[in-house]
Amino acid sequence: MELTHAQIDDTSHGYAPLIRATLPQTQSPVWLATRYDVVKAALGDSRFVRDLARVPGAEGGGVAAELLDEAGLPAEYRQYLEILVLVDGPEHTRLRTHVMRAFAPRRIAALRPRIERIVQDVADEIVAKGGEFDVLRGFAYPVMTSVICDIIGVEGADRDQVSGWIRDYESGEPDRFLPGIDHLAAYIDGLLDRRAAAPAEDLASDLLRSSAEAGPDQQLTRQEMIALVFLLINTGIAPPAFFLTDAVLTLLDHPEEVAKLRAEPALLPRAVQELLRHVSAVRVGATLYATEDVELGGVLVRRGEGVTSGLLAANRDPGTFAEPARLDLSREAARGAGHIAYGHGAHRCIGAALANLQTEVILDQLFLKRDSLTLAVERDALERIGFAGDGTYPMALPVRI
């Protein structure tokens, strides 16, 4: 589902603040928020929660549970996808606090030289092999995997094996993805044991240190640590890799904007933000549930009803962005009206600074340090893959450098 305002009509606003919809592969109808102001209001309102169980009188697990049921994920594995993502309030704050140090902007900025080396090494290897590659599997995945492994503390000798388990998990194939989870969880458990004996400057050590220093009611259990690291591996590879691939395709589709960027390289940080607005790293946000009756965008949302944020639609809202369908790498957002591709409020993406930096370094390598990137197939030969409750992304992007 990739709704933009061109697909939504309302006689009073030109587009509807909320529309009733049922997301693909789910059964429960929700309110789909599509306007920037409405999405931002919902994401920042504590009367909306992600955990339906926190709503008095609510039944069932909500949209997230239906998507996991559809994926065939057994209940005992859901902790790895639900931790942080589907918790609210003080419990969410407790968990998030323990991982924030590793993703603090200053610490992420210090990673730039290491990320630049990783990107350069991947590019050099591609050139040595003839210069034709798939942006998704041949560039984005190796870079994102190496970076998140560095942050977490995965030893160099283990990375190929860990990458294999990640691919098993992300395959979605029943005989691969559950063993992939099991292997990754066991590896993370062992990594935590090693870091307990010999701490290092990595996230695994941070979690152990932070928990040990916390009060009794703020500490993490070992299982919570394992689940947090698993979630960060999962969200630190596939989502930024798919976004990067779509961003590269978008630039190839807009050569005039690439020329503008090459003429003024200092625009690169702003260009990354415009690509996030134009493409959106995540197209549809997690469903929020009203804990009481709430008026949202002039619509009464009853207690227990779900509101799903159309992040791509919000980022293309003509009420907020001039000519929203146009890619403009020199676009400067009005104060307080930047894109919300990373969400907004308490659940804003922890890895936003890292994703910005990785995208900036990779685009610098592919478009500024080089000027020869082209598609290796016809444009209409590219195929996209859909993800339940989110949107579609390129299955592959074959290019030549």
Protein backbone atom coordinates (compact mmCIF):
# COMPACT_ATOMS: atom_id res chain seq x y z
CA MET A 1 0.00 0.00 0.00
CA GLU A 2 1.68 3.21 -1.18
CA LEU A 3 -1.03 5.85 -1.05
CA THR A 4 -0.18 9.43 -1.95
CA HIS A 5 -2.55 12.37 -2.04
CA ALA A 6 -3.11 11.96 -5.76
CA GLN A 7 -5.04 8.80 -4.85
CA ILE A 8 -7.11 10.32 -2.05
CA ASP A 9 -9.85 12.89 -2.53
CA ASP A 10 -12.03 14.91 -0.19
CA THR A 11 -14.21 17.84 -1.28
CA SER A 12 -13.35 20.08 1.66
CA HIS A 13 -9.56 19.61 1.84
CA GLY A 14 -8.64 18.16 -1.54
CA TYR A 15 -7.64 15.02 0.37
CA ALA A 16 -9.01 13.22 3.41
CA PRO A 17 -7.40 13.55 6.85
CA LEU A 18 -8.52 9.99 7.70
CA ILE A 19 -9.97 7.27 5.54
CA ARG A 20 -11.32 3.87 6.59
CA ALA A 21 -9.14 1.10 5.20
CA THR A 22 -8.05 -2.49 5.71
CA LEU A 23 -4.34 -3.06 5.19
CA PRO A 24 -3.23 -5.94 2.94
CA GLN A 25 -3.07 -9.32 4.70
CA THR A 26 -5.07 -8.06 7.70
CA GLN A 27 -8.71 -8.25 8.71
CA SER A 28 -9.16 -5.36 11.15
CA PRO A 29 -10.20 -2.04 9.57
CA VAL A 30 -8.21 1.03 10.65
CA TRP A 31 -8.23 4.75 10.12
CA LEU A 32 -5.50 5.59 7.60
CA ALA A 33 -4.01 9.02 8.32
CA THR A 34 -2.68 10.66 5.17
CA ARG A 35 -2.27 14.36 5.92
CA TYR A 36 1.03 15.59 7.35
CA ASP A 37 -0.50 17.50 10.25
CA VAL A 38 -2.78 14.61 11.19
CA VAL A 39 -0.03 11.98 11.01
CA LYS A 40 2.30 14.11 13.11
CA ALA A 41 -0.45 14.78 15.66
CA ALA A 42 -1.25 11.09 16.02
CA LEU A 43 2.40 10.08 16.38
CA GLY A 44 2.97 12.68 19.07
CA ASP A 45 -0.21 12.04 21.09
CA SER A 46 0.26 9.83 24.18
CA ARG A 47 -3.43 8.88 24.01
CA PHE A 48 -2.46 6.61 21.11
CA VAL A 49 -0.48 3.46 21.90
CA ARG A 50 1.01 0.66 19.82
CA ASP A 51 0.11 -2.13 22.24
CA LEU A 52 -3.61 -2.86 21.89
CA ALA A 53 -3.54 -4.73 25.22
CA ARG A 54 -3.12 -1.36 26.95
CA VAL A 55 -6.57 -0.25 25.76
CA PRO A 56 -9.26 -1.08 28.34
CA GLY A 57 -11.71 -3.65 27.02
CA ALA A 58 -9.81 -4.28 23.78
CA GLU A 59 -9.65 -7.78 22.38
CA GLY A 60 -7.22 -9.48 20.02
CA GLY A 61 -3.69 -8.53 19.12
CA GLY A 62 -4.46 -5.92 16.48
CA VAL A 63 -2.93 -5.37 13.05
CA ALA A 64 0.64 -6.29 14.08
CA ALA A 65 -0.49 -9.68 15.39
CA GLU A 66 -2.47 -10.33 12.21
CA LEU A 67 0.59 -9.58 10.06
CA LEU A 68 2.75 -11.91 12.18
CA ASP A 69 0.06 -14.61 11.98
CA GLU A 70 0.01 -14.22 8.21
CA ALA A 71 3.80 -14.57 8.14
CA GLY A 72 3.55 -17.80 10.13
CA LEU A 73 5.74 -16.59 12.99
CA PRO A 74 5.16 -18.68 16.14
CA ALA A 75 4.35 -16.79 19.33
CA GLU A 76 7.65 -17.63 21.04
CA TYR A 77 9.59 -15.82 18.30
CA ARG A 78 7.59 -12.60 18.35
CA GLN A 79 9.64 -11.03 21.13
CA TYR A 80 12.41 -10.44 18.58
CA LEU A 81 10.18 -8.23 16.42
CA GLU A 82 7.94 -6.70 19.08
CA ILE A 83 10.46 -5.48 21.64
CA LEU A 84 10.71 -1.66 21.53
CA VAL A 85 8.41 -1.56 18.48
CA LEU A 86 5.16 -2.55 20.18
CA VAL A 87 5.67 -1.22 23.71
CA ASP A 88 4.71 2.17 25.09
CA GLY A 89 5.19 4.57 27.97
CA PRO A 90 7.67 3.87 30.79
CA GLU A 91 8.45 0.38 29.49
CA HIS A 92 9.38 1.77 26.09
CA THR A 93 11.52 4.45 27.74
CA ARG A 94 13.28 1.83 29.87
CA LEU A 95 14.22 -0.28 26.85
CA ARG A 96 15.11 2.62 24.57
CA THR A 97 17.36 4.28 27.14
CA HIS A 98 19.70 1.29 27.14
CA VAL A 99 20.39 1.48 23.39
CA MET A 100 20.47 5.25 22.89
CA ARG A 101 24.17 5.67 23.77
CA ALA A 102 25.28 3.56 20.81
CA PHE A 103 23.20 5.67 18.42
CA ALA A 104 23.90 9.13 19.83
CA PRO A 105 24.62 11.56 16.95
CA ARG A 106 28.18 12.32 18.16
CA ARG A 107 29.04 8.63 18.36
CA ILE A 108 27.53 7.99 14.93
CA ALA A 109 29.44 10.93 13.42
CA ALA A 110 32.66 9.36 14.69
CA LEU A 111 31.90 6.33 12.52
CA ARG A 112 32.23 8.29 9.28
CA PRO A 113 35.85 7.26 8.52
CA ARG A 114 35.01 3.60 9.12
CA ILE A 115 31.86 3.78 6.95
CA GLU A 116 33.81 5.54 4.21
CA ARG A 117 36.39 2.73 4.23
CA ILE A 118 33.67 0.06 4.08
CA VAL A 119 31.95 1.82 1.15
CA GLN A 120 35.26 2.34 -0.66
CA ASP A 121 36.23 -1.33 -0.22
CA VAL A 122 32.87 -2.50 -1.60
CA ALA A 123 33.17 -0.14 -4.58
CA ASP A 124 36.76 -1.20 -5.30
CA GLU A 125 35.75 -4.86 -5.26
CA ILE A 126 32.90 -4.17 -7.67
CA VAL A 127 35.18 -2.32 -10.09
CA ALA A 128 37.71 -5.15 -9.92
CA LYS A 129 34.99 -7.60 -10.92
CA GLY A 130 33.92 -5.60 -13.98
CA GLY A 131 31.74 -2.84 -12.55
CA GLU A 132 28.27 -4.38 -12.92
CA PHE A 133 26.34 -5.04 -9.70
CA ASP A 134 22.97 -5.07 -7.99
CA VAL A 135 22.68 -2.01 -5.75
CA LEU A 136 20.53 -3.90 -3.22
CA ARG A 137 22.41 -7.18 -2.76
CA GLY A 138 25.81 -6.17 -4.08
CA PHE A 139 26.24 -2.79 -2.41
CA ALA A 140 23.62 -1.79 0.16
CA TYR A 141 23.41 -5.11 1.98
CA PRO A 142 27.20 -5.58 2.40
CA VAL A 143 27.64 -2.01 3.62
CA MET A 144 24.71 -2.05 6.05
CA THR A 145 25.71 -5.47 7.38
CA SER A 146 29.32 -4.45 7.99
CA VAL A 147 28.31 -1.22 9.72
CA ILE A 148 25.72 -2.73 12.06
CA CYS A 149 28.09 -5.59 12.90
CA ASP A 150 30.74 -2.99 13.82
CA ILE A 151 28.28 -1.17 16.08
CA ILE A 152 27.03 -4.31 17.81
CA GLY A 153 30.47 -5.89 18.19
CA VAL A 154 30.25 -8.93 15.91
CA GLU A 155 33.78 -10.24 15.49
CA GLY A 156 35.26 -10.16 11.99
CA ALA A 157 35.66 -13.93 11.80
CA ASP A 158 31.95 -14.41 12.52
CA ARG A 159 30.49 -11.92 10.06
CA ASP A 160 30.03 -14.19 7.07
CA GLN A 161 28.19 -16.69 9.23
CA VAL A 162 26.06 -13.99 10.87
CA SER A 163 25.27 -12.53 7.42
CA GLY A 164 24.11 -15.98 6.30
CA TRP A 165 21.75 -16.28 9.24
CA ILE A 166 20.40 -12.81 8.51
CA ARG A 167 19.71 -13.85 4.91
CA ASP A 168 18.04 -17.03 6.17
CA TYR A 169 15.79 -15.00 8.44
CA GLU A 170 14.92 -12.43 5.78
CA SER A 171 14.19 -15.12 3.17
CA GLY A 172 10.74 -15.67 4.68
CA GLU A 173 11.06 -19.37 3.83
CA PRO A 174 9.72 -21.49 6.75
CA ASP A 175 12.62 -23.94 6.66
CA ARG A 176 15.13 -21.07 6.78
CA PHE A 177 13.78 -18.11 8.70
CA LEU A 178 13.07 -19.84 12.04
CA PRO A 179 16.51 -21.54 12.15
CA GLY A 180 17.98 -18.17 11.18
CA ILE A 181 16.37 -16.58 14.25
CA ASP A 182 17.55 -19.44 16.48
CA HIS A 183 21.15 -19.20 15.26
CA LEU A 184 21.24 -15.41 15.60
CA ALA A 185 19.76 -15.49 19.11
CA ALA A 186 22.28 -18.12 20.20
CA TYR A 187 25.14 -16.11 18.69
CA ILE A 188 24.01 -12.91 20.45
CA ASP A 189 23.78 -14.79 23.76
CA GLY A 190 27.35 -16.01 23.32
CA LEU A 191 28.52 -12.53 22.31
CA LEU A 192 27.05 -11.10 25.51
CA ASP A 193 28.93 -13.75 27.52
CA ARG A 194 32.20 -12.76 25.81
CA ARG A 195 31.59 -9.06 26.38
CA ALA A 196 30.74 -9.67 30.04
CA ALA A 197 34.20 -11.20 30.41
CA ALA A 198 35.99 -8.65 28.19
CA PRO A 199 34.04 -5.40 27.57
CA ALA A 200 34.67 -3.40 24.38
CA GLU A 201 33.39 -0.22 22.76
CA ASP A 202 30.30 -1.72 21.17
CA LEU A 203 26.58 -2.02 21.71
CA ALA A 204 26.74 -5.46 23.31
CA SER A 205 29.07 -4.07 25.99
CA ASP A 206 26.90 -0.94 26.30
CA LEU A 207 23.82 -3.01 27.12
CA LEU A 208 25.64 -5.00 29.80
CA ARG A 209 27.20 -1.86 31.30
CA SER A 210 24.01 0.20 31.15
CA SER A 211 21.91 -2.53 32.73
CA ALA A 212 24.43 -3.14 35.52
CA GLU A 213 24.45 0.57 36.36
CA ALA A 214 20.66 0.93 36.30
CA GLY A 215 18.32 0.66 39.25
CA PRO A 216 16.67 -2.73 39.94
CA ASP A 217 13.46 -1.78 38.11
CA GLN A 218 15.35 -0.43 35.08
CA GLN A 219 17.70 -3.32 34.38
CA LEU A 220 17.46 -5.56 31.33
CA THR A 221 17.00 -9.30 31.43
CA ARG A 222 19.34 -11.39 29.29
CA GLN A 223 16.43 -12.25 26.99
CA GLU A 224 15.62 -8.56 26.55
CA MET A 225 19.25 -7.89 25.61
CA ILE A 226 19.17 -10.68 23.03
CA ALA A 227 15.88 -9.42 21.58
CA LEU A 228 17.13 -5.80 21.43
CA VAL A 229 20.31 -6.76 19.58
CA PHE A 230 18.31 -8.96 17.20
CA LEU A 231 15.89 -6.11 16.48
CA LEU A 232 18.75 -3.70 15.79
CA ILE A 233 20.37 -6.17 13.39
CA ASN A 234 17.05 -6.67 11.64
CA THR A 235 16.14 -2.99 11.33
CA GLY A 236 19.73 -1.90 10.70
CA ILE A 237 20.13 -3.84 7.45
CA ALA A 238 17.02 -4.42 5.35
CA PRO A 239 15.11 -1.09 5.73
CA PRO A 240 18.10 1.19 5.01
CA ALA A 241 19.23 -1.13 2.19
CA PHE A 242 15.83 -0.98 0.49
CA PHE A 243 15.65 2.78 0.96
CA LEU A 244 19.15 3.27 -0.47
CA THR A 245 18.23 1.19 -3.50
CA ASP A 246 15.09 3.25 -4.11
CA ALA A 247 17.06 6.46 -3.59
CA VAL A 248 19.62 5.44 -6.23
CA LEU A 249 16.85 4.56 -8.66
CA THR A 250 15.17 7.90 -7.99
CA LEU A 251 18.40 9.75 -8.78
CA LEU A 252 18.88 7.76 -11.98
CA ASP A 253 15.34 8.77 -12.93
CA HIS A 254 16.21 12.45 -12.33
CA PRO A 255 19.51 13.18 -14.10
CA GLU A 256 18.89 16.93 -13.89
CA GLU A 257 18.91 16.69 -10.08
CA VAL A 258 22.10 14.62 -10.15
CA ALA A 259 23.68 17.35 -12.29
CA LYS A 260 22.57 19.94 -9.71
CA LEU A 261 24.18 17.88 -6.94
CA ARG A 262 27.44 17.47 -8.84
CA ALA A 263 27.55 21.20 -9.47
CA GLU A 264 27.04 21.88 -5.76
CA PRO A 265 28.27 18.89 -3.68
CA ALA A 266 27.56 20.75 -0.45
CA LEU A 267 23.88 19.99 -1.12
CA LEU A 268 24.44 16.31 -0.30
CA PRO A 269 23.10 16.34 3.30
CA ARG A 270 20.02 18.26 2.15
CA ALA A 271 19.66 15.89 -0.81
CA VAL A 272 19.53 12.91 1.55
CA GLN A 273 16.67 14.53 3.46
CA GLU A 274 14.80 15.29 0.23
CA LEU A 275 15.19 11.68 -0.90
CA LEU A 276 13.82 10.54 2.44
CA ARG A 277 10.82 12.82 1.93
CA HIS A 278 10.33 11.82 -1.68
CA VAL A 279 10.81 8.06 -1.25
CA SER A 280 10.23 7.51 2.50
CA ALA A 281 12.29 4.82 4.18
CA VAL A 282 9.08 3.32 5.61
CA ARG A 283 5.87 4.00 3.70
CA VAL A 284 3.31 3.00 6.36
CA GLY A 285 3.89 3.31 10.10
CA ALA A 286 2.85 0.97 12.91
CA THR A 287 -0.83 1.10 13.86
CA LEU A 288 -1.70 3.19 16.91
CA TYR A 289 -4.73 2.53 19.11
CA ALA A 290 -6.80 5.16 20.87
CA THR A 291 -6.93 4.62 24.65
CA GLU A 292 -9.94 6.96 24.79
CA ASP A 293 -12.14 8.76 22.29
CA VAL A 294 -9.91 11.25 20.43
CA GLU A 295 -10.75 13.85 17.80
CA LEU A 296 -8.10 13.64 15.10
CA GLY A 297 -8.22 15.80 11.99
CA GLY A 298 -11.86 16.54 12.65
CA VAL A 299 -12.72 12.83 12.86
CA LEU A 300 -13.75 11.12 16.11
CA VAL A 301 -11.58 8.08 16.67
CA ARG A 302 -13.27 5.81 19.20
CA ARG A 303 -11.43 4.06 22.00
CA GLY A 304 -9.82 0.88 20.68
CA GLU A 305 -9.86 1.98 17.05
CA GLY A 306 -6.58 1.85 15.16
CA VAL A 307 -4.90 4.68 13.27
CA THR A 308 -2.21 3.80 10.73
CA SER A 309 0.13 6.54 9.54
CA GLY A 310 0.65 6.90 5.81
CA LEU A 311 4.20 8.29 6.06
CA LEU A 312 4.74 8.50 2.30
CA ALA A 313 1.41 10.27 1.86
CA ALA A 314 2.28 12.71 4.66
CA ASN A 315 5.64 13.43 3.05
CA ARG A 316 3.83 14.22 -0.21
CA ASP A 317 1.20 16.45 1.42
CA PRO A 318 0.63 19.55 -0.78
CA GLY A 319 -0.62 21.36 2.31
CA THR A 320 2.90 21.15 3.76
CA PHE A 321 5.29 20.79 0.82
CA ALA A 322 5.27 22.90 -2.34
CA GLU A 323 5.09 20.74 -5.46
CA PRO A 324 5.35 17.62 -3.29
CA ALA A 325 5.61 15.15 -6.17
CA ARG A 326 8.70 16.92 -7.53
CA LEU A 327 12.17 15.82 -6.44
CA ASP A 328 14.17 18.93 -5.53
CA LEU A 329 17.55 18.18 -3.95
CA SER A 330 17.92 21.84 -2.98
CA ARG A 331 14.58 21.86 -1.13
CA GLU A 332 14.78 23.41 2.31
CA ALA A 333 11.97 22.41 4.66
CA ALA A 334 10.17 25.06 6.66
CA ARG A 335 11.04 25.07 10.36
CA GLY A 336 9.11 22.30 12.13
CA ALA A 337 7.88 20.83 8.84
CA GLY A 338 10.62 18.43 7.83
CA HIS A 339 9.92 14.94 6.53
CA ILE A 340 8.65 12.27 8.89
CA ALA A 341 10.15 9.28 7.09
CA TYR A 342 11.69 8.24 10.43
CA GLY A 343 8.44 8.70 12.28
CA HIS A 344 7.83 11.25 15.00
CA GLY A 345 7.54 11.36 18.77
CA ALA A 346 8.61 8.71 21.26
CA HIS A 347 9.05 6.01 18.62
CA ARG A 348 11.10 8.08 16.15
CA CYS A 349 13.72 5.79 14.58
CA ILE A 350 16.74 5.35 16.86
CA GLY A 351 18.98 4.77 13.85
CA ALA A 352 18.07 7.98 11.97
CA ALA A 353 21.53 9.56 12.32
CA LEU A 354 23.19 6.34 11.19
CA ALA A 355 20.88 5.96 8.19
CA ASN A 356 21.55 9.57 7.16
CA LEU A 357 25.30 9.08 7.37
CA GLN A 358 25.32 5.77 5.47
CA THR A 359 23.16 7.19 2.70
CA GLU A 360 25.32 10.29 2.41
CA VAL A 361 28.57 8.29 2.17
CA ILE A 362 27.16 5.84 -0.38
CA LEU A 363 25.65 8.52 -2.62
CA ASP A 364 28.91 10.44 -2.46
CA GLN A 365 30.73 7.32 -3.67
CA LEU A 366 28.26 6.45 -6.43
CA PHE A 367 27.37 9.90 -7.79
CA LEU A 368 30.01 12.43 -6.76
CA LYS A 369 33.27 10.53 -6.70
CA ARG A 370 32.12 8.82 -9.94
CA ASP A 371 29.96 10.03 -12.81
CA SER A 372 29.31 6.84 -14.75
CA LEU A 373 26.52 5.04 -12.88
CA THR A 374 23.85 3.78 -15.28
CA LEU A 375 21.14 1.14 -15.31
CA ALA A 376 22.29 -2.23 -16.63
CA VAL A 377 18.75 -3.19 -17.72
CA GLU A 378 15.82 -1.41 -19.33
CA ARG A 379 13.91 0.78 -16.87
CA ASP A 380 10.64 -1.10 -17.40
CA ALA A 381 12.36 -4.42 -16.65
CA LEU A 382 12.76 -3.53 -12.96
CA GLU A 383 10.43 -5.38 -10.60
CA ARG A 384 9.24 -4.46 -7.14
CA ILE A 385 8.39 -6.58 -4.13
CA GLY A 386 5.59 -5.77 -1.71
CA PHE A 387 5.75 -6.01 2.08
CA ALA A 388 2.55 -6.53 4.02
CA GLY A 389 1.27 -3.34 5.60
CA ASP A 390 4.06 -1.22 4.16
CA GLY A 391 4.67 -0.77 0.44
CA THR A 392 6.78 -1.91 -2.47
CA TYR A 393 10.53 -1.75 -3.00
CA PRO A 394 12.86 -2.75 -5.86
CA MET A 395 13.65 -6.46 -5.88
CA ALA A 396 16.97 -5.64 -7.50
CA LEU A 397 18.65 -2.69 -9.18
CA PRO A 398 21.28 -3.86 -11.72
CA VAL A 399 23.67 -1.03 -12.60
CA ARG A 400 27.08 -0.41 -14.12
CA ILE A 401 29.67 1.86 -12.60
